[in-house]
Protein backbone atom coordinates (compact mmCIF):
# COMPACT_ATOMS: atom_id res chain seq x y z
CA MET A 1 50.12 -26.29 32.46
CA ASN A 2 48.71 -28.24 35.35
CA PRO A 3 51.10 -27.91 38.33
CA GLN A 4 50.19 -31.38 39.57
CA HIS A 5 51.59 -32.95 36.42
CA SER A 6 54.77 -30.95 35.96
CA TYR A 7 57.82 -32.68 34.61
CA PHE A 8 61.01 -32.24 36.56
CA GLY A 9 64.19 -33.36 34.78
CA PHE A 10 67.42 -34.48 36.38
CA THR A 11 68.50 -32.30 39.27
CA THR A 12 71.83 -30.58 39.67
CA ALA A 13 74.02 -30.80 42.74
CA GLN A 14 73.16 -27.15 43.52
CA GLN A 15 69.43 -27.92 43.42
CA ARG A 16 69.86 -30.88 45.74
CA LYS A 17 71.96 -28.82 48.16
CA LEU A 18 69.39 -25.99 48.17
CA LEU A 19 66.61 -28.54 48.66
CA PHE A 20 68.10 -29.90 51.86
CA GLU A 21 69.29 -26.52 53.15
CA VAL A 22 65.76 -25.15 52.94
CA TRP A 23 64.32 -28.34 54.41
CA GLU A 24 66.70 -28.20 57.38
CA LYS A 25 65.92 -24.51 57.94
CA THR A 26 62.13 -24.72 57.63
CA GLY A 27 61.33 -28.38 58.23
CA ARG A 28 58.82 -28.23 55.37
CA VAL A 29 59.30 -30.56 52.41
CA SER A 30 56.85 -28.76 50.14
CA GLU A 31 58.55 -25.37 50.62
CA ALA A 32 62.01 -26.87 50.04
CA CYS A 33 60.82 -28.57 46.85
CA ARG A 34 59.21 -25.38 45.60
CA LYS A 35 62.37 -23.30 46.17
CA ALA A 36 64.66 -25.91 44.59
CA HIS A 37 62.24 -26.51 41.67
CA VAL A 38 62.07 -30.25 42.22
CA GLY A 39 59.25 -32.69 42.88
CA ARG A 40 58.53 -34.27 46.25
CA ALA A 41 59.56 -37.65 44.88
CA THR A 42 63.02 -36.20 44.27
CA PHE A 43 63.26 -35.16 47.91
CA TYR A 44 62.35 -38.64 49.12
CA TYR A 45 64.68 -40.21 46.57
CA TRP A 46 67.69 -38.24 47.86
CA LYS A 47 66.76 -38.16 51.57
CA PRO A 48 68.27 -41.58 52.52
CA ARG A 49 71.55 -40.64 50.89
CA PHE A 50 71.52 -37.22 52.59
CA THR A 51 70.82 -38.88 55.94
CA GLU A 52 73.67 -41.33 55.43
CA LYS A 53 76.33 -39.14 53.79
CA GLY A 54 75.25 -35.55 54.33
CA TYR A 55 75.82 -32.88 51.70
CA ASP A 56 78.71 -34.83 50.17
CA GLY A 57 76.26 -37.60 49.23
CA LEU A 58 74.29 -35.16 47.08
CA GLU A 59 77.16 -34.41 44.72
CA MET A 60 77.05 -37.31 42.28
CA PHE A 61 74.46 -39.61 40.77
CA GLU A 62 75.10 -43.29 41.11
CA SER A 63 75.97 -44.82 37.80
CA ARG A 64 73.04 -45.84 35.64
CA ALA A 65 75.27 -47.76 33.27
CA ALA A 66 75.03 -51.51 33.08
CA HIS A 67 77.33 -53.05 35.63
CA GLN A 68 78.19 -56.03 33.46
CA LEU A 69 78.30 -56.55 29.77
CA ASN A 70 75.98 -59.17 28.39
CA ARG A 71 78.81 -61.65 27.97
CA LYS A 72 78.54 -65.39 27.62
CA ALA A 73 80.70 -67.81 29.54
CA ALA A 74 84.21 -68.28 28.23
CA GLU A 75 83.48 -71.96 27.54
CA ILE A 76 80.57 -71.04 25.26
CA GLU A 77 82.63 -68.44 23.43
CA ALA A 78 85.47 -70.94 22.99
CA ARG A 79 82.99 -73.52 21.64
CA VAL A 80 81.65 -71.02 19.08
CA VAL A 81 85.19 -70.17 17.92
CA ALA A 82 86.09 -73.87 17.71
CA MET A 83 82.99 -74.63 15.62
CA ARG A 84 83.79 -71.81 13.20
CA GLN A 85 87.40 -72.94 12.87
CA ALA A 86 86.34 -76.56 12.28
CA GLN A 87 83.60 -75.57 9.82
CA PRO A 88 84.48 -72.23 8.17
CA GLY A 89 81.45 -72.47 5.88
CA TRP A 90 78.99 -72.37 8.77
CA GLY A 91 77.32 -69.05 9.41
CA LYS A 92 75.92 -67.57 12.57
CA LEU A 93 72.54 -69.33 12.25
CA ARG A 94 74.08 -72.75 11.73
CA ILE A 95 76.45 -72.36 14.69
CA ALA A 96 73.59 -71.17 16.93
CA ASP A 97 71.50 -74.17 15.82
CA GLU A 98 74.36 -76.61 16.41
CA MET A 99 74.83 -75.18 19.92
CA ALA A 100 71.10 -75.62 20.58
CA LYS A 101 71.20 -79.19 19.20
CA GLU A 102 73.97 -80.05 21.65
CA ASN A 103 71.77 -78.64 24.44
CA ASN A 104 68.62 -80.73 23.66
CA TRP A 105 67.38 -78.01 21.31
CA VAL A 106 67.29 -75.40 24.04
CA PRO A 107 68.78 -72.21 22.58
CA VAL A 108 72.11 -71.30 24.16
CA LEU A 109 72.68 -68.03 22.33
CA SER A 110 71.27 -66.05 19.46
CA ALA A 111 72.71 -65.86 15.98
CA ASN A 112 73.69 -62.24 16.53
CA THR A 113 75.58 -63.21 19.69
CA VAL A 114 77.46 -65.79 17.63
CA ARG A 115 78.28 -63.01 15.15
CA ARG A 116 79.54 -60.74 17.97
CA ILE A 117 81.76 -63.53 19.35
CA LEU A 118 83.17 -64.25 15.91
CA LEU A 119 83.78 -60.56 15.21
CA THR A 120 85.70 -60.26 18.48
CA ALA A 121 87.75 -63.32 17.59
CA GLY A 122 88.48 -61.96 14.10
CA LEU A 123 86.68 -64.86 12.41
CA TRP A 124 83.77 -62.90 10.94
CA THR A 125 83.95 -60.56 7.98
CA GLU A 126 81.01 -58.46 6.96
CA GLN A 127 79.81 -59.39 3.49
CA PRO A 128 77.53 -57.23 1.36
CA LYS A 129 74.02 -58.55 1.06
CA PRO A 130 73.18 -60.10 -2.31
CA GLY A 131 71.45 -57.81 -4.76
CA ARG A 132 72.74 -54.59 -3.21
CA LYS A 133 74.98 -52.32 -5.21
CA LYS A 134 77.86 -50.48 -3.67
CA ALA A 135 77.29 -46.74 -3.55
CA GLY A 136 79.08 -44.68 -6.17
CA LEU A 137 79.82 -47.53 -8.60
CA PRO A 138 78.39 -47.44 -12.13
CA ASP A 139 75.99 -50.16 -13.28
C-alpha cells in the first residue's frame, strides 16, 4: 500500500489527545501524526479547535446532522391541506400542479412533498399499486 495514499478514518478522542500531546512535546507535526496514526489534514482540521478550547475541544465532533428539516412554510402546508380537504379526489400530482399554476407555473413543491405533508396531516392513505397482488394471498 502506498503510504502517500493511506486512508485514515474518523479519529477517536484518544488519538486527537495523543496527537496534540506529541506535537506540544516535539513541535513536529509529522511525528505527532505518525504516532497518533492520523493524516496531516486531521491535525490542521483540529488545530483551530485545540487552540481555542484546549484538550476539552478535542472530545466531541460537531454534529454532522442537518440543522433543519427540509420543511415548507406553514402557509404552503396549510394550502396543501386545504386543497386536499376541498378536493379529496385530487392526488399529489394534481395538488402540486395546482400550486404551481397559482404561482405562474413555477413549481412550489414536488409531488412527494405534497404526499409527506398529507401523510403528516392524516389525509393520505397508502394504496396498493394496480396490478400488484398482496403477498400470501391465493390467486
